[in-house]
Amino acid sequence: MTTEIVGETPRLTGRQRKHLRGLAHGFEPLVYVGSAGVTDAVLAAVDGALLAHELVKVRLHAPVAKHDDATALAAGTGAALCGLLGHVVILYRPHPEKPRISLETA
C-alpha cells in the first residue's frame, strides 16, 4: 500500500474512497456524536477507534451542519473522509506501524 500522506492526513483517490466505502458497508458505527457535537472527548474516541480499526463509521445525532462535523472529525483525527451517508461518516487512517487495509494505487 502506498498512500500519499500529507502531514498526517492520507490523500486518497476517488477509486480508493469508493473501495473503502464498500469495505465499511457492513460495519456498525463505533462512535456516536451526541447533541454537543464534535468535542475533544469525541475526537479522542474516534482517534482510538481509528488506531484499532483503521476504517470506522461515526454516527452523528441530529447534526446542525453534518458536512462541517464530518470535516471537523477528519481534520481533528488526521483521517481521510471517505464518505458521508445520511448521518454516518466514514473515516480512514492507516495504522502508523502495521496497516491492515491495502489500497490499490493508480
N, C-alpha and C. Protein backbone atom coordinates (compact mmCIF):
# COMPACT_ATOMS: atom_id res chain seq x y z
N MET A 1 0.84 -1.17 0.00
CA MET A 1 0.00 0.00 0.00
C MET A 1 0.88 1.23 0.00
N THR A 2 0.69 2.07 -0.96
CA THR A 2 1.40 3.34 -0.99
C THR A 2 0.37 4.45 -1.10
N THR A 3 -0.02 4.96 0.01
CA THR A 3 -0.95 6.08 0.07
C THR A 3 -0.14 7.31 0.39
N GLU A 4 -0.33 8.35 -0.42
CA GLU A 4 0.40 9.59 -0.18
C GLU A 4 -0.12 10.22 1.10
N ILE A 5 0.79 10.58 1.98
CA ILE A 5 0.40 11.19 3.24
C ILE A 5 0.92 12.62 3.27
N VAL A 6 0.01 13.55 3.42
CA VAL A 6 0.35 14.95 3.52
C VAL A 6 0.14 15.34 4.97
N GLY A 7 1.25 15.61 5.69
CA GLY A 7 1.15 15.83 7.13
C GLY A 7 0.73 14.53 7.77
N GLU A 8 -0.46 14.49 8.35
CA GLU A 8 -0.99 13.28 8.97
C GLU A 8 -2.15 12.70 8.17
N THR A 9 -2.73 13.48 7.28
CA THR A 9 -3.93 13.06 6.57
C THR A 9 -3.59 12.32 5.28
N PRO A 10 -4.10 11.09 5.12
CA PRO A 10 -3.86 10.38 3.87
C PRO A 10 -4.66 11.00 2.73
N ARG A 11 -4.04 11.10 1.56
CA ARG A 11 -4.70 11.59 0.35
C ARG A 11 -5.15 10.38 -0.43
N LEU A 12 -6.44 10.28 -0.69
CA LEU A 12 -7.00 9.13 -1.38
C LEU A 12 -7.59 9.55 -2.72
N THR A 13 -7.51 8.65 -3.66
CA THR A 13 -8.17 8.87 -4.95
C THR A 13 -9.65 8.53 -4.80
N GLY A 14 -10.43 8.89 -5.78
CA GLY A 14 -11.85 8.56 -5.75
C GLY A 14 -12.08 7.05 -5.73
N ARG A 15 -11.27 6.32 -6.47
CA ARG A 15 -11.39 4.86 -6.50
C ARG A 15 -11.08 4.26 -5.13
N GLN A 16 -10.07 4.80 -4.45
CA GLN A 16 -9.72 4.29 -3.13
C GLN A 16 -10.83 4.59 -2.12
N ARG A 17 -11.40 5.80 -2.18
CA ARG A 17 -12.51 6.14 -1.28
C ARG A 17 -13.71 5.23 -1.53
N LYS A 18 -13.98 4.95 -2.79
CA LYS A 18 -15.09 4.06 -3.14
C LYS A 18 -14.84 2.65 -2.59
N HIS A 19 -13.62 2.16 -2.72
CA HIS A 19 -13.25 0.85 -2.19
C HIS A 19 -13.45 0.80 -0.67
N LEU A 20 -13.02 1.85 0.02
CA LEU A 20 -13.15 1.90 1.47
C LEU A 20 -14.62 1.99 1.90
N ARG A 21 -15.43 2.73 1.16
CA ARG A 21 -16.86 2.79 1.47
C ARG A 21 -17.48 1.40 1.33
N GLY A 22 -17.05 0.65 0.33
CA GLY A 22 -17.54 -0.70 0.14
C GLY A 22 -17.14 -1.61 1.30
N LEU A 23 -15.90 -1.47 1.77
CA LEU A 23 -15.45 -2.27 2.91
C LEU A 23 -16.25 -1.93 4.17
N ALA A 24 -16.61 -0.68 4.32
CA ALA A 24 -17.30 -0.22 5.52
C ALA A 24 -18.81 -0.50 5.48
N HIS A 25 -19.30 -0.98 4.36
CA HIS A 25 -20.74 -1.16 4.20
C HIS A 25 -21.37 -1.99 5.32
N GLY A 26 -20.77 -3.07 5.70
CA GLY A 26 -21.34 -3.93 6.73
C GLY A 26 -20.99 -3.55 8.15
N PHE A 27 -20.22 -2.50 8.33
CA PHE A 27 -19.81 -2.07 9.66
C PHE A 27 -20.94 -1.36 10.39
N GLU A 28 -20.90 -1.44 11.70
CA GLU A 28 -21.77 -0.65 12.56
C GLU A 28 -20.95 0.55 13.05
N PRO A 29 -21.60 1.70 13.31
CA PRO A 29 -20.85 2.84 13.85
C PRO A 29 -20.20 2.48 15.19
N LEU A 30 -18.94 2.87 15.34
CA LEU A 30 -18.21 2.61 16.57
C LEU A 30 -18.28 3.77 17.54
N VAL A 31 -18.49 4.97 17.01
CA VAL A 31 -18.54 6.17 17.85
C VAL A 31 -19.82 6.93 17.49
N TYR A 32 -20.47 7.45 18.50
CA TYR A 32 -21.68 8.24 18.31
C TYR A 32 -21.43 9.65 18.80
N VAL A 33 -21.76 10.63 17.96
CA VAL A 33 -21.60 12.04 18.31
C VAL A 33 -22.96 12.53 18.79
N GLY A 34 -23.01 13.00 20.03
CA GLY A 34 -24.26 13.43 20.63
C GLY A 34 -24.64 14.84 20.25
N SER A 35 -25.57 15.39 21.00
CA SER A 35 -26.08 16.72 20.70
C SER A 35 -25.05 17.82 20.96
N ALA A 36 -24.00 17.52 21.73
CA ALA A 36 -22.94 18.51 21.99
C ALA A 36 -22.04 18.70 20.78
N GLY A 37 -22.13 17.80 19.80
CA GLY A 37 -21.32 17.93 18.59
C GLY A 37 -19.94 17.31 18.75
N VAL A 38 -19.03 17.77 17.93
CA VAL A 38 -17.67 17.24 17.93
C VAL A 38 -16.89 17.91 19.06
N THR A 39 -16.62 17.13 20.11
CA THR A 39 -15.88 17.63 21.27
C THR A 39 -14.52 16.92 21.34
N ASP A 40 -13.70 17.35 22.28
CA ASP A 40 -12.40 16.70 22.47
C ASP A 40 -12.56 15.23 22.84
N ALA A 41 -13.57 14.92 23.62
CA ALA A 41 -13.82 13.52 24.01
C ALA A 41 -14.21 12.68 22.79
N VAL A 42 -15.01 13.24 21.92
CA VAL A 42 -15.40 12.53 20.70
C VAL A 42 -14.19 12.31 19.81
N LEU A 43 -13.36 13.33 19.66
CA LEU A 43 -12.15 13.20 18.83
C LEU A 43 -11.22 12.14 19.41
N ALA A 44 -11.10 12.07 20.73
CA ALA A 44 -10.26 11.05 21.36
C ALA A 44 -10.82 9.65 21.10
N ALA A 45 -12.15 9.52 21.18
CA ALA A 45 -12.77 8.21 20.92
C ALA A 45 -12.59 7.79 19.47
N VAL A 46 -12.76 8.72 18.54
CA VAL A 46 -12.57 8.41 17.12
C VAL A 46 -11.11 8.08 16.84
N ASP A 47 -10.20 8.81 17.46
CA ASP A 47 -8.77 8.54 17.28
C ASP A 47 -8.42 7.12 17.75
N GLY A 48 -8.95 6.72 18.90
CA GLY A 48 -8.71 5.37 19.40
C GLY A 48 -9.30 4.31 18.49
N ALA A 49 -10.50 4.57 17.97
CA ALA A 49 -11.14 3.62 17.06
C ALA A 49 -10.36 3.49 15.76
N LEU A 50 -9.84 4.61 15.25
CA LEU A 50 -9.03 4.56 14.02
C LEU A 50 -7.74 3.80 14.25
N LEU A 51 -7.14 3.98 15.40
CA LEU A 51 -5.91 3.27 15.71
C LEU A 51 -6.15 1.76 15.76
N ALA A 52 -7.29 1.37 16.30
CA ALA A 52 -7.61 -0.05 16.43
C ALA A 52 -8.12 -0.67 15.14
N HIS A 53 -8.87 0.10 14.33
CA HIS A 53 -9.56 -0.49 13.18
C HIS A 53 -9.19 0.09 11.82
N GLU A 54 -8.58 1.24 11.75
CA GLU A 54 -8.20 1.95 10.52
C GLU A 54 -9.39 2.53 9.76
N LEU A 55 -10.50 1.82 9.68
CA LEU A 55 -11.68 2.27 8.94
C LEU A 55 -12.86 2.21 9.90
N VAL A 56 -13.50 3.36 10.14
CA VAL A 56 -14.58 3.40 11.12
C VAL A 56 -15.76 4.21 10.60
N LYS A 57 -16.91 3.89 11.17
CA LYS A 57 -18.11 4.68 10.94
C LYS A 57 -18.41 5.45 12.22
N VAL A 58 -18.84 6.70 12.05
CA VAL A 58 -19.21 7.55 13.17
C VAL A 58 -20.63 8.06 12.89
N ARG A 59 -21.51 7.90 13.86
CA ARG A 59 -22.90 8.31 13.70
C ARG A 59 -23.10 9.68 14.34
N LEU A 60 -23.67 10.62 13.57
CA LEU A 60 -23.97 11.96 14.06
C LEU A 60 -25.42 12.01 14.50
N HIS A 61 -25.66 12.52 15.70
CA HIS A 61 -27.03 12.63 16.22
C HIS A 61 -27.56 14.03 15.91
N ALA A 62 -28.52 14.11 15.00
CA ALA A 62 -29.19 15.37 14.65
C ALA A 62 -28.21 16.53 14.46
N PRO A 63 -27.28 16.41 13.52
CA PRO A 63 -26.31 17.49 13.34
C PRO A 63 -26.94 18.74 12.71
N VAL A 64 -26.45 19.88 13.13
CA VAL A 64 -26.90 21.14 12.54
C VAL A 64 -26.27 21.28 11.16
N ALA A 65 -24.98 20.98 11.08
CA ALA A 65 -24.24 21.05 9.81
C ALA A 65 -23.39 19.80 9.70
N LYS A 66 -23.96 18.75 9.10
CA LYS A 66 -23.27 17.46 9.08
C LYS A 66 -21.97 17.50 8.27
N HIS A 67 -21.91 18.30 7.22
CA HIS A 67 -20.68 18.38 6.44
C HIS A 67 -19.56 19.02 7.26
N ASP A 68 -19.91 20.03 8.05
CA ASP A 68 -18.92 20.67 8.91
C ASP A 68 -18.44 19.71 10.00
N ASP A 69 -19.37 18.94 10.57
CA ASP A 69 -18.99 17.96 11.60
C ASP A 69 -18.09 16.88 11.01
N ALA A 70 -18.41 16.41 9.80
CA ALA A 70 -17.60 15.37 9.16
C ALA A 70 -16.19 15.89 8.88
N THR A 71 -16.10 17.12 8.41
CA THR A 71 -14.80 17.72 8.15
C THR A 71 -14.02 17.92 9.44
N ALA A 72 -14.69 18.33 10.50
CA ALA A 72 -14.03 18.52 11.80
C ALA A 72 -13.52 17.20 12.35
N LEU A 73 -14.28 16.12 12.19
CA LEU A 73 -13.83 14.80 12.64
C LEU A 73 -12.59 14.37 11.88
N ALA A 74 -12.61 14.54 10.57
CA ALA A 74 -11.46 14.14 9.75
C ALA A 74 -10.23 14.98 10.09
N ALA A 75 -10.39 16.28 10.17
CA ALA A 75 -9.26 17.16 10.48
C ALA A 75 -8.73 16.93 11.88
N GLY A 76 -9.62 16.74 12.83
CA GLY A 76 -9.22 16.56 14.23
C GLY A 76 -8.50 15.26 14.52
N THR A 77 -8.70 14.26 13.66
CA THR A 77 -8.06 12.95 13.87
C THR A 77 -6.99 12.64 12.84
N GLY A 78 -6.82 13.50 11.86
CA GLY A 78 -5.83 13.24 10.81
C GLY A 78 -6.25 12.11 9.90
N ALA A 79 -7.55 11.95 9.72
CA ALA A 79 -8.08 10.87 8.90
C ALA A 79 -8.61 11.41 7.58
N ALA A 80 -8.77 10.50 6.63
CA ALA A 80 -9.37 10.86 5.35
C ALA A 80 -10.87 10.63 5.44
N LEU A 81 -11.63 11.58 4.94
CA LEU A 81 -13.07 11.46 4.89
C LEU A 81 -13.44 10.66 3.65
N CYS A 82 -13.94 9.46 3.84
CA CYS A 82 -14.28 8.58 2.72
C CYS A 82 -15.71 8.74 2.26
N GLY A 83 -16.57 9.13 3.16
CA GLY A 83 -17.96 9.28 2.77
C GLY A 83 -18.82 9.82 3.89
N LEU A 84 -19.93 10.38 3.48
CA LEU A 84 -20.94 10.87 4.40
C LEU A 84 -22.28 10.40 3.85
N LEU A 85 -22.85 9.41 4.48
CA LEU A 85 -24.11 8.81 4.03
C LEU A 85 -25.16 9.04 5.10
N GLY A 86 -26.09 9.92 4.83
CA GLY A 86 -27.07 10.28 5.85
C GLY A 86 -26.38 10.98 6.99
N HIS A 87 -26.46 10.40 8.17
CA HIS A 87 -25.78 10.97 9.34
C HIS A 87 -24.60 10.11 9.75
N VAL A 88 -24.08 9.31 8.84
CA VAL A 88 -22.96 8.42 9.14
C VAL A 88 -21.73 8.87 8.35
N VAL A 89 -20.65 9.07 9.08
CA VAL A 89 -19.38 9.50 8.50
C VAL A 89 -18.45 8.29 8.43
N ILE A 90 -17.78 8.10 7.30
CA ILE A 90 -16.81 7.01 7.15
C ILE A 90 -15.42 7.64 7.09
N LEU A 91 -14.55 7.23 8.02
CA LEU A 91 -13.19 7.77 8.12
C LEU A 91 -12.17 6.66 7.98
N TYR A 92 -11.03 7.01 7.37
CA TYR A 92 -9.94 6.05 7.20
C TYR A 92 -8.62 6.71 7.57
N ARG A 93 -7.84 5.99 8.35
CA ARG A 93 -6.46 6.40 8.64
C ARG A 93 -5.65 5.12 8.83
N PRO A 94 -4.62 4.92 7.99
CA PRO A 94 -3.83 3.69 8.12
C PRO A 94 -3.09 3.66 9.45
N HIS A 95 -2.91 2.45 9.96
CA HIS A 95 -2.16 2.27 11.20
C HIS A 95 -0.73 2.73 10.95
N PRO A 96 -0.12 3.48 11.88
CA PRO A 96 1.22 4.03 11.65
C PRO A 96 2.31 2.96 11.51
N GLU A 97 2.13 1.79 12.10
CA GLU A 97 3.18 0.76 12.05
C GLU A 97 2.79 -0.45 11.21
N LYS A 98 1.55 -0.93 11.36
CA LYS A 98 1.11 -2.14 10.67
C LYS A 98 -0.23 -1.92 9.98
N PRO A 99 -0.23 -1.30 8.80
CA PRO A 99 -1.51 -1.12 8.09
C PRO A 99 -2.09 -2.47 7.69
N ARG A 100 -3.39 -2.64 7.91
CA ARG A 100 -4.06 -3.89 7.58
C ARG A 100 -4.87 -3.81 6.29
N ILE A 101 -5.30 -2.62 5.93
CA ILE A 101 -6.10 -2.45 4.72
C ILE A 101 -5.17 -2.02 3.60
N SER A 102 -5.16 -2.79 2.52
CA SER A 102 -4.30 -2.42 1.39
C SER A 102 -5.16 -1.72 0.34
N LEU A 103 -4.61 -0.66 -0.19
CA LEU A 103 -5.31 0.12 -1.22
C LEU A 103 -4.52 0.05 -2.51
N GLU A 104 -5.26 -0.10 -3.60
CA GLU A 104 -4.62 -0.10 -4.90
C GLU A 104 -4.17 1.33 -5.24
N THR A 105 -3.03 1.40 -5.90
CA THR A 105 -2.57 2.69 -6.36
C THR A 105 -2.92 2.79 -7.84
N ALA A 106 -3.04 4.00 -8.31
CA ALA A 106 -3.43 4.23 -9.70
C ALA A 106 -2.57 3.43 -10.62
